[in-house]
Amino acid sequence: MAKVLIVYAHQSSGSFNAAAKDLAVEVLTAQGCSVEVSDLYAMDFKAAATVDDIKGSVKDADHFSYLRETKLAFEEGRLSEDITKEHAKIIEADLIIFQFPMYWFGLPAIMKGWIDRVLTNGFAFSTEQLYSQGVFKDKKTMLSFTTGSLESMFSPTGINGDMNVTLWPIQNGILNYCGFQVLAPQIFWAPALAAAEDRKGMLEGWRTRLQGLLEEKPLSFIPLDSFDQKTFQLKPDVHEQHASKEFGLTVGIHLNKPLPPHSQMKAGC
C-alpha cells in the first residue's frame, strides 16, 4: 500500500486548490493508498526559521547559523516537535504532493517555511547525499499548483517568461537536490479566470492523471556522477558528448545553447 503525503497551503476550504487536494485524497484513497494531509494554514505552521526550532542551548549563539545548529539539533534529537512530526510523515511517504497557489512565481511563504524548516540539514540532505545520490532518492514528489496568469503568459515569448525556467529553482534546487524523483507538475492555468465548465474540466484532467500517478516516470535531471566530485563542473567527456546537440542539457546547465523545451514540465524531455 503506497503512502502519500499532501503538503497543502491554502486558506480557504472553498478554493480551487482545496478541490484539487480533496480530489487527490479521494482518488488515491480509492486506489488503496494511505493519504495524509499537512494542512499548513489549519496547523498554523510557523514559517520563520528561528532559534526557537531548537530545544536547549545552541553551540554558537553569538554567530548563530541555522544550517549548522539545526543539523546538530537533528543529530541530538533536539528539534521542535512540529518539525519532527513532519519528518515522521516524510519518512513514511512514498509520494509527496505539494498543493498550492503560485505566489510571485514561487511558493507561498508558509510552504517555503515548511521547506526551510522541515528539510533539515542532516535529515533531508548532506554534503555526501545530494542530487541523484540524495537522501530521498527512493521517494517521488511533485508540484500541483494554480497560477494567476494564463498559460500563454508563461511561455518562451510570454511576458512572464518560460514556466520551465520558473520551476527550475524549486524542482531542481530543492526537490532534486534532496534526491527526490520529481514527477511532472500538475499546473492549473488561471482557474480564477476560467469558466465553471473549464474549471470542472481541469479537475477531471487531474482525476484522470491521478489514476496512474504512482506509475509515472520522473523528470530527467543530470546524475551526480556527470560532474567532477572536486570542482562540481560537468565532466569534459559529458560536455563533449553534448557538444553537437541542438539544446542544452537542462534549464540550468544549458551549455550556452537553447533551453531544452518542456524539460521541467514533461517526463522524457
C-alpha atoms as a PDB file:
ATOM      1  CA  MET A   1       0.000   0.000   0.000  1.00  0.00           C
ATOM      2  CA  ALA A   2       1.557   3.267  -1.114  1.00  0.00           C
ATOM      3  CA  LYS A   3       1.682   6.100   1.403  1.00  0.00           C
ATOM      4  CA  VAL A   4       1.067   9.635   0.169  1.00  0.00           C
ATOM      5  CA  LEU A   5       1.673  12.915   1.953  1.00  0.00           C
ATOM      6  CA  ILE A   6      -0.020  16.058   0.627  1.00  0.00           C
ATOM      7  CA  VAL A   7       1.536  19.294   1.847  1.00  0.00           C
ATOM      8  CA  TYR A   8      -1.279  21.764   1.317  1.00  0.00           C
ATOM      9  CA  ALA A   9      -1.233  25.558   1.512  1.00  0.00           C
ATOM     10  CA  HIS A  10      -4.438  27.499   1.015  1.00  0.00           C
ATOM     11  CA  GLN A  11      -6.530  29.498   3.460  1.00  0.00           C
ATOM     12  CA  SER A  12      -9.969  28.587   2.072  1.00  0.00           C
ATOM     13  CA  SER A  13     -11.771  25.244   2.068  1.00  0.00           C
ATOM     14  CA  GLY A  14     -13.830  26.579  -0.862  1.00  0.00           C
ATOM     15  CA  SER A  15     -10.835  27.261  -3.099  1.00  0.00           C
ATOM     16  CA  PHE A  16      -9.833  25.502  -6.310  1.00  0.00           C
ATOM     17  CA  ASN A  17      -6.693  24.323  -4.523  1.00  0.00           C
ATOM     18  CA  ALA A  18      -8.859  22.724  -1.844  1.00  0.00           C
ATOM     19  CA  ALA A  19     -10.861  20.961  -4.551  1.00  0.00           C
ATOM     20  CA  ALA A  20      -7.651  19.665  -6.162  1.00  0.00           C
ATOM     21  CA  LYS A  21      -6.379  18.471  -2.781  1.00  0.00           C
ATOM     22  CA  ASP A  22      -9.673  16.790  -1.890  1.00  0.00           C
ATOM     23  CA  LEU A  23      -9.790  15.074  -5.267  1.00  0.00           C
ATOM     24  CA  ALA A  24      -6.286  13.687  -4.763  1.00  0.00           C
ATOM     25  CA  VAL A  25      -7.288  12.323  -1.362  1.00  0.00           C
ATOM     26  CA  GLU A  26     -10.414  10.760  -2.847  1.00  0.00           C
ATOM     27  CA  VAL A  27      -8.836   9.118  -5.885  1.00  0.00           C
ATOM     28  CA  LEU A  28      -5.652   7.924  -4.207  1.00  0.00           C
ATOM     29  CA  THR A  29      -7.565   6.540  -1.218  1.00  0.00           C
ATOM     30  CA  ALA A  30      -9.883   4.680  -3.586  1.00  0.00           C
ATOM     31  CA  GLN A  31      -6.780   3.045  -5.095  1.00  0.00           C
ATOM     32  CA  GLY A  32      -5.798   1.726  -1.688  1.00  0.00           C
ATOM     33  CA  CYS A  33      -3.244   4.386  -0.819  1.00  0.00           C
ATOM     34  CA  SER A  34      -2.845   5.731   2.679  1.00  0.00           C
ATOM     35  CA  VAL A  35      -3.115   9.519   2.347  1.00  0.00           C
ATOM     36  CA  GLU A  36      -2.159  12.091   4.964  1.00  0.00           C
ATOM     37  CA  VAL A  37      -2.527  15.859   4.587  1.00  0.00           C
ATOM     38  CA  SER A  38      -0.411  18.520   6.240  1.00  0.00           C
ATOM     39  CA  ASP A  39      -2.811  21.483   6.028  1.00  0.00           C
ATOM     40  CA  LEU A  40      -0.325  24.222   6.821  1.00  0.00           C
ATOM     41  CA  TYR A  41      -2.770  27.060   7.463  1.00  0.00           C
ATOM     42  CA  ALA A  42      -5.031  24.867   9.601  1.00  0.00           C
ATOM     43  CA  MET A  43      -1.931  23.748  11.529  1.00  0.00           C
ATOM     44  CA  ASP A  44      -0.863  27.395  11.940  1.00  0.00           C
ATOM     45  CA  PHE A  45       2.526  26.162  10.797  1.00  0.00           C
ATOM     46  CA  LYS A  46       5.360  28.531  11.690  1.00  0.00           C
ATOM     47  CA  ALA A  47       7.076  29.757   8.537  1.00  0.00           C
ATOM     48  CA  ALA A  48      10.055  31.543  10.092  1.00  0.00           C
ATOM     49  CA  ALA A  49      13.233  29.532  10.613  1.00  0.00           C
ATOM     50  CA  THR A  50      14.459  30.717  14.027  1.00  0.00           C
ATOM     51  CA  VAL A  51      16.413  29.592  17.069  1.00  0.00           C
ATOM     52  CA  ASP A  52      13.070  28.537  18.580  1.00  0.00           C
ATOM     53  CA  ASP A  53      13.229  25.470  16.321  1.00  0.00           C
ATOM     54  CA  ILE A  54      15.952  24.105  18.601  1.00  0.00           C
ATOM     55  CA  LYS A  55      15.384  22.735  22.103  1.00  0.00           C
ATOM     56  CA  GLY A  56      18.044  23.713  24.616  1.00  0.00           C
ATOM     57  CA  SER A  57      21.074  25.859  24.034  1.00  0.00           C
ATOM     58  CA  VAL A  58      22.835  26.428  20.734  1.00  0.00           C
ATOM     59  CA  LYS A  59      26.533  25.861  20.113  1.00  0.00           C
ATOM     60  CA  ASP A  60      27.358  29.380  18.947  1.00  0.00           C
ATOM     61  CA  ALA A  61      24.777  31.955  19.990  1.00  0.00           C
ATOM     62  CA  ASP A  62      26.985  34.903  19.007  1.00  0.00           C
ATOM     63  CA  HIS A  63      27.306  33.712  15.403  1.00  0.00           C
ATOM     64  CA  PHE A  64      24.091  31.748  15.021  1.00  0.00           C
ATOM     65  CA  SER A  65      23.906  29.577  11.896  1.00  0.00           C
ATOM     66  CA  TYR A  66      20.510  27.958  11.345  1.00  0.00           C
ATOM     67  CA  LEU A  67      22.045  25.437   8.931  1.00  0.00           C
ATOM     68  CA  ARG A  68      24.677  24.198  11.387  1.00  0.00           C
ATOM     69  CA  GLU A  69      22.646  24.449  14.577  1.00  0.00           C
ATOM     70  CA  THR A  70      19.628  22.561  13.238  1.00  0.00           C
ATOM     71  CA  LYS A  71      21.877  19.815  11.866  1.00  0.00           C
ATOM     72  CA  LEU A  72      23.350  19.360  15.332  1.00  0.00           C
ATOM     73  CA  ALA A  73      19.900  19.530  16.930  1.00  0.00           C
ATOM     74  CA  PHE A  74      18.625  16.896  14.491  1.00  0.00           C
ATOM     75  CA  GLU A  75      21.529  14.586  15.340  1.00  0.00           C
ATOM     76  CA  GLU A  76      20.904  15.074  19.057  1.00  0.00           C
ATOM     77  CA  GLY A  77      17.095  14.863  18.912  1.00  0.00           C
ATOM     78  CA  ARG A  78      16.568  18.496  19.925  1.00  0.00           C
ATOM     79  CA  LEU A  79      14.416  19.835  17.087  1.00  0.00           C
ATOM     80  CA  SER A  80      10.994  21.296  17.869  1.00  0.00           C
ATOM     81  CA  GLU A  81       8.042  18.933  17.824  1.00  0.00           C
ATOM     82  CA  ASP A  82       6.318  20.494  14.817  1.00  0.00           C
ATOM     83  CA  ILE A  83       9.405  19.742  12.714  1.00  0.00           C
ATOM     84  CA  THR A  84       9.888  16.181  13.936  1.00  0.00           C
ATOM     85  CA  LYS A  85       6.212  15.394  13.271  1.00  0.00           C
ATOM     86  CA  GLU A  86       6.701  16.398   9.637  1.00  0.00           C
ATOM     87  CA  HIS A  87       9.923  14.381   9.486  1.00  0.00           C
ATOM     88  CA  ALA A  88       7.960  11.292  10.517  1.00  0.00           C
ATOM     89  CA  LYS A  89       5.419  11.903   7.751  1.00  0.00           C
ATOM     90  CA  ILE A  90       8.157  12.225   5.132  1.00  0.00           C
ATOM     91  CA  ILE A  91       9.867   9.041   6.290  1.00  0.00           C
ATOM     92  CA  GLU A  92       6.611   7.129   5.845  1.00  0.00           C
ATOM     93  CA  ALA A  93       5.666   8.646   2.487  1.00  0.00           C
ATOM     94  CA  ASP A  94       6.322   7.071  -0.904  1.00  0.00           C
ATOM     95  CA  LEU A  95       4.969  10.154  -2.695  1.00  0.00           C
ATOM     96  CA  ILE A  96       4.723  13.772  -1.560  1.00  0.00           C
ATOM     97  CA  ILE A  97       2.403  16.175  -3.386  1.00  0.00           C
ATOM     98  CA  PHE A  98       2.757  19.918  -2.817  1.00  0.00           C
ATOM     99  CA  GLN A  99      -0.603  21.596  -3.470  1.00  0.00           C
ATOM    100  CA  PHE A 100      -0.588  25.402  -3.522  1.00  0.00           C
ATOM    101  CA  PRO A 101      -1.345  28.618  -5.405  1.00  0.00           C
ATOM    102  CA  MET A 102       1.735  30.106  -7.062  1.00  0.00           C
ATOM    103  CA  TYR A 103       2.684  33.343  -5.295  1.00  0.00           C
ATOM    104  CA  TRP A 104       5.133  35.710  -7.012  1.00  0.00           C
ATOM    105  CA  PHE A 105       6.465  32.962  -9.308  1.00  0.00           C
ATOM    106  CA  GLY A 106       7.123  30.691  -6.340  1.00  0.00           C
ATOM    107  CA  LEU A 107       5.775  29.096  -3.187  1.00  0.00           C
ATOM    108  CA  PRO A 108       3.523  30.733  -0.594  1.00  0.00           C
ATOM    109  CA  ALA A 109       5.552  31.831   2.419  1.00  0.00           C
ATOM    110  CA  ILE A 110       4.032  29.202   4.697  1.00  0.00           C
ATOM    111  CA  MET A 111       5.038  26.402   2.303  1.00  0.00           C
ATOM    112  CA  LYS A 112       8.519  27.857   1.782  1.00  0.00           C
ATOM    113  CA  GLY A 113       8.775  27.936   5.566  1.00  0.00           C
ATOM    114  CA  TRP A 114       7.848  24.240   5.678  1.00  0.00           C
ATOM    115  CA  ILE A 115      10.691  23.531   3.253  1.00  0.00           C
ATOM    116  CA  ASP A 116      13.173  25.747   5.113  1.00  0.00           C
ATOM    117  CA  ARG A 117      12.393  24.159   8.476  1.00  0.00           C
ATOM    118  CA  VAL A 118      11.425  20.562   7.666  1.00  0.00           C
ATOM    119  CA  LEU A 119      14.003  19.704   5.001  1.00  0.00           C
ATOM    120  CA  THR A 120      16.624  19.920   7.697  1.00  0.00           C
ATOM    121  CA  ASN A 121      20.354  19.657   7.114  1.00  0.00           C
ATOM    122  CA  GLY A 122      21.299  16.092   8.019  1.00  0.00           C
ATOM    123  CA  PHE A 123      17.752  14.820   7.621  1.00  0.00           C
ATOM    124  CA  ALA A 124      16.964  15.792   4.022  1.00  0.00           C
ATOM    125  CA  PHE A 125      20.443  16.360   2.612  1.00  0.00           C
ATOM    126  CA  SER A 126      24.134  16.344   3.444  1.00  0.00           C
ATOM    127  CA  THR A 127      27.380  17.064   1.640  1.00  0.00           C
ATOM    128  CA  GLU A 128      27.625  13.323   0.934  1.00  0.00           C
ATOM    129  CA  GLN A 129      23.998  12.798  -0.099  1.00  0.00           C
ATOM    130  CA  LEU A 130      22.567  15.176  -2.662  1.00  0.00           C
ATOM    131  CA  TYR A 131      21.015  15.256  -6.126  1.00  0.00           C
ATOM    132  CA  SER A 132      20.819  11.769  -7.707  1.00  0.00           C
ATOM    133  CA  GLN A 133      22.527  10.299  -4.629  1.00  0.00           C
ATOM    134  CA  GLY A 134      20.266  12.219  -2.279  1.00  0.00           C
ATOM    135  CA  VAL A 135      18.590  11.061   0.885  1.00  0.00           C
ATOM    136  CA  PHE A 136      15.150  10.702  -0.735  1.00  0.00           C
ATOM    137  CA  LYS A 137      16.190   9.004  -3.983  1.00  0.00           C
ATOM    138  CA  ASP A 138      13.619   6.234  -3.392  1.00  0.00           C
ATOM    139  CA  LYS A 139      10.718   8.660  -2.941  1.00  0.00           C
ATOM    140  CA  LYS A 140       8.643  10.541  -5.503  1.00  0.00           C
ATOM    141  CA  THR A 141       7.339  14.072  -5.271  1.00  0.00           C
ATOM    142  CA  MET A 142       5.521  16.615  -7.413  1.00  0.00           C
ATOM    143  CA  LEU A 143       4.142  20.133  -7.519  1.00  0.00           C
ATOM    144  CA  SER A 144       0.425  20.688  -8.095  1.00  0.00           C
ATOM    145  CA  PHE A 145      -0.472  24.356  -8.261  1.00  0.00           C
ATOM    146  CA  THR A 146      -2.657  27.093  -9.646  1.00  0.00           C
ATOM    147  CA  THR A 147      -1.448  30.171 -11.475  1.00  0.00           C
ATOM    148  CA  GLY A 148      -2.930  33.628 -11.628  1.00  0.00           C
ATOM    149  CA  SER A 149      -1.795  34.119 -15.219  1.00  0.00           C
ATOM    150  CA  LEU A 150      -2.775  32.402 -18.438  1.00  0.00           C
ATOM    151  CA  GLU A 151      -0.599  29.623 -19.869  1.00  0.00           C
ATOM    152  CA  SER A 152       0.380  31.796 -22.829  1.00  0.00           C
ATOM    153  CA  MET A 153       1.903  34.334 -20.441  1.00  0.00           C
ATOM    154  CA  PHE A 154       4.276  31.657 -19.076  1.00  0.00           C
ATOM    155  CA  SER A 155       5.681  30.746 -22.499  1.00  0.00           C
ATOM    156  CA  PRO A 156       9.122  31.457 -24.019  1.00  0.00           C
ATOM    157  CA  THR A 157       7.597  34.503 -25.730  1.00  0.00           C
ATOM    158  CA  GLY A 158       5.172  35.432 -22.951  1.00  0.00           C
ATOM    159  CA  ILE A 159       5.555  38.342 -20.575  1.00  0.00           C
ATOM    160  CA  ASN A 160       6.127  36.097 -17.536  1.00  0.00           C
ATOM    161  CA  GLY A 161       8.768  34.016 -19.279  1.00  0.00           C
ATOM    162  CA  ASP A 162       9.150  30.280 -19.731  1.00  0.00           C
ATOM    163  CA  MET A 163       7.489  28.240 -16.967  1.00  0.00           C
ATOM    164  CA  ASN A 164      10.329  25.731 -17.240  1.00  0.00           C
ATOM    165  CA  VAL A 165      12.678  28.455 -16.002  1.00  0.00           C
ATOM    166  CA  THR A 166      10.298  29.415 -13.193  1.00  0.00           C
ATOM    167  CA  LEU A 167      10.131  25.809 -11.974  1.00  0.00           C
ATOM    168  CA  TRP A 168      13.872  25.112 -12.089  1.00  0.00           C
ATOM    169  CA  PRO A 169      14.799  26.578  -8.649  1.00  0.00           C
ATOM    170  CA  ILE A 170      12.058  24.561  -6.936  1.00  0.00           C
ATOM    171  CA  GLN A 171      12.197  21.283  -8.811  1.00  0.00           C
ATOM    172  CA  ASN A 172      15.973  21.147  -9.172  1.00  0.00           C
ATOM    173  CA  GLY A 173      17.225  23.380  -6.365  1.00  0.00           C
ATOM    174  CA  ILE A 174      15.009  21.876  -3.656  1.00  0.00           C
ATOM    175  CA  LEU A 175      13.392  18.597  -4.686  1.00  0.00           C
ATOM    176  CA  ASN A 176      16.052  17.082  -6.933  1.00  0.00           C
ATOM    177  CA  TYR A 177      18.747  18.418  -4.591  1.00  0.00           C
ATOM    178  CA  CYS A 178      17.276  16.254  -1.821  1.00  0.00           C
ATOM    179  CA  GLY A 179      17.244  13.261  -4.168  1.00  0.00           C
ATOM    180  CA  PHE A 180      13.515  13.054  -4.852  1.00  0.00           C
ATOM    181  CA  GLN A 181      12.291  11.565  -8.112  1.00  0.00           C
ATOM    182  CA  VAL A 182      10.357  14.587  -9.373  1.00  0.00           C
ATOM    183  CA  LEU A 183       7.192  13.905 -11.345  1.00  0.00           C
ATOM    184  CA  ALA A 184       5.955  16.401 -13.918  1.00  0.00           C
ATOM    185  CA  PRO A 185       3.991  19.216 -12.280  1.00  0.00           C
ATOM    186  CA  GLN A 186       0.220  19.447 -12.400  1.00  0.00           C
ATOM    187  CA  ILE A 187      -0.442  23.030 -13.443  1.00  0.00           C
ATOM    188  CA  PHE A 188      -3.912  24.509 -13.292  1.00  0.00           C
ATOM    189  CA  TRP A 189      -3.654  27.562 -15.500  1.00  0.00           C
ATOM    190  CA  ALA A 190      -5.535  30.583 -14.136  1.00  0.00           C
ATOM    191  CA  PRO A 191      -8.655  28.821 -12.812  1.00  0.00           C
ATOM    192  CA  ALA A 192      -9.889  32.117 -11.353  1.00  0.00           C
ATOM    193  CA  LEU A 193     -10.169  33.455 -14.910  1.00  0.00           C
ATOM    194  CA  ALA A 194     -11.785  30.335 -16.340  1.00  0.00           C
ATOM    195  CA  ALA A 195     -15.459  29.487 -16.835  1.00  0.00           C
ATOM    196  CA  ALA A 196     -17.059  26.997 -14.469  1.00  0.00           C
ATOM    197  CA  GLU A 197     -17.053  24.257 -17.112  1.00  0.00           C
ATOM    198  CA  ASP A 198     -13.388  24.824 -17.804  1.00  0.00           C
ATOM    199  CA  ARG A 199     -12.550  24.575 -14.104  1.00  0.00           C
ATOM    200  CA  LYS A 200     -14.505  21.335 -13.962  1.00  0.00           C
ATOM    201  CA  GLY A 201     -12.506  20.076 -16.925  1.00  0.00           C
ATOM    202  CA  MET A 202      -9.247  20.918 -15.159  1.00  0.00           C
ATOM    203  CA  LEU A 203     -10.271  18.801 -12.191  1.00  0.00           C
ATOM    204  CA  GLU A 204     -11.385  15.937 -14.412  1.00  0.00           C
ATOM    205  CA  GLY A 205      -7.972  16.008 -16.067  1.00  0.00           C
ATOM    206  CA  TRP A 206      -6.391  15.794 -12.617  1.00  0.00           C
ATOM    207  CA  ARG A 207      -8.682  12.878 -11.721  1.00  0.00           C
ATOM    208  CA  THR A 208      -7.563  11.014 -14.834  1.00  0.00           C
ATOM    209  CA  ARG A 209      -3.907  11.631 -14.129  1.00  0.00           C
ATOM    210  CA  LEU A 210      -4.235  10.528 -10.502  1.00  0.00           C
ATOM    211  CA  GLN A 211      -5.360   7.087 -11.665  1.00  0.00           C
ATOM    212  CA  GLY A 212      -1.866   6.292 -12.914  1.00  0.00           C
ATOM    213  CA  LEU A 213       0.207   8.794 -10.955  1.00  0.00           C
ATOM    214  CA  LEU A 214       2.180   6.251  -8.951  1.00  0.00           C
ATOM    215  CA  GLU A 215       3.418   4.559 -12.136  1.00  0.00           C
ATOM    216  CA  GLU A 216       4.607   7.745 -13.841  1.00  0.00           C
ATOM    217  CA  LYS A 217       8.239   8.204 -14.820  1.00  0.00           C
ATOM    218  CA  PRO A 218      10.024  11.196 -13.259  1.00  0.00           C
ATOM    219  CA  LEU A 219      11.523  14.214 -14.958  1.00  0.00           C
ATOM    220  CA  SER A 220      15.116  13.906 -16.151  1.00  0.00           C
ATOM    221  CA  PHE A 221      17.985  15.570 -14.311  1.00  0.00           C
ATOM    222  CA  ILE A 222      21.718  15.166 -14.836  1.00  0.00           C
ATOM    223  CA  PRO A 223      23.111  12.489 -12.492  1.00  0.00           C
ATOM    224  CA  LEU A 224      25.692  13.479  -9.929  1.00  0.00           C
ATOM    225  CA  ASP A 225      28.362  11.285 -11.470  1.00  0.00           C
ATOM    226  CA  SER A 226      28.338  13.500 -14.574  1.00  0.00           C
ATOM    227  CA  PHE A 227      30.162  16.125 -12.519  1.00  0.00           C
ATOM    228  CA  ASP A 228      33.701  16.207 -11.194  1.00  0.00           C
ATOM    229  CA  GLN A 229      33.476  15.492  -7.465  1.00  0.00           C
ATOM    230  CA  LYS A 230      36.053  18.147  -6.584  1.00  0.00           C
ATOM    231  CA  THR A 231      35.082  21.063  -8.802  1.00  0.00           C
ATOM    232  CA  PHE A 232      31.410  20.108  -9.363  1.00  0.00           C
ATOM    233  CA  GLN A 233      31.848  21.072 -13.008  1.00  0.00           C
ATOM    234  CA  LEU A 234      30.437  18.958 -15.814  1.00  0.00           C
ATOM    235  CA  LYS A 235      32.987  16.324 -16.769  1.00  0.00           C
ATOM    236  CA  PRO A 236      34.757  17.049 -20.079  1.00  0.00           C
ATOM    237  CA  ASP A 237      33.588  13.793 -21.696  1.00  0.00           C
ATOM    238  CA  VAL A 238      29.952  14.546 -20.829  1.00  0.00           C
ATOM    239  CA  HIS A 239      30.360  18.054 -22.194  1.00  0.00           C
ATOM    240  CA  GLU A 240      31.862  16.690 -25.399  1.00  0.00           C
ATOM    241  CA  GLN A 241      29.048  14.168 -25.858  1.00  0.00           C
ATOM    242  CA  HIS A 242      26.543  17.014 -25.965  1.00  0.00           C
ATOM    243  CA  ALA A 243      28.622  19.485 -27.970  1.00  0.00           C
ATOM    244  CA  SER A 244      26.733  18.786 -31.195  1.00  0.00           C
ATOM    245  CA  LYS A 245      23.263  18.690 -29.605  1.00  0.00           C
ATOM    246  CA  GLU A 246      20.736  21.349 -30.527  1.00  0.00           C
ATOM    247  CA  PHE A 247      19.629  22.028 -26.954  1.00  0.00           C
ATOM    248  CA  GLY A 248      21.381  22.360 -23.623  1.00  0.00           C
ATOM    249  CA  LEU A 249      21.264  19.605 -21.042  1.00  0.00           C
ATOM    250  CA  THR A 250      18.840  21.263 -18.650  1.00  0.00           C
ATOM    251  CA  VAL A 251      17.310  24.636 -17.886  1.00  0.00           C
ATOM    252  CA  GLY A 252      20.214  25.430 -15.568  1.00  0.00           C
ATOM    253  CA  ILE A 253      23.067  23.561 -17.248  1.00  0.00           C
ATOM    254  CA  HIS A 254      22.268  24.705 -20.763  1.00  0.00           C
ATOM    255  CA  LEU A 255      25.850  24.923 -22.136  1.00  0.00           C
ATOM    256  CA  ASN A 256      25.020  28.288 -23.748  1.00  0.00           C
ATOM    257  CA  LYS A 257      22.519  26.555 -26.000  1.00  0.00           C
ATOM    258  CA  PRO A 258      18.741  26.962 -26.307  1.00  0.00           C
ATOM    259  CA  LEU A 259      16.914  25.564 -23.294  1.00  0.00           C
ATOM    260  CA  PRO A 260      15.512  22.060 -23.741  1.00  0.00           C
ATOM    261  CA  PRO A 261      11.741  22.581 -24.256  1.00  0.00           C
ATOM    262  CA  HIS A 262       9.352  21.302 -21.573  1.00  0.00           C
ATOM    263  CA  SER A 263      12.152  19.673 -19.551  1.00  0.00           C
ATOM    264  CA  GLN A 264      10.635  20.826 -16.259  1.00  0.00           C
ATOM    265  CA  MET A 265       7.063  20.066 -17.325  1.00  0.00           C
ATOM    266  CA  LYS A 266       7.111  16.719 -19.134  1.00  0.00           C
ATOM    267  CA  ALA A 267       8.924  13.477 -18.399  1.00  0.00           C
ATOM    268  CA  GLY A 268      11.339  12.284 -21.066  1.00  0.00           C
ATOM    269  CA  CYS A 269      12.249  15.767 -22.346  1.00  0.00           C
END
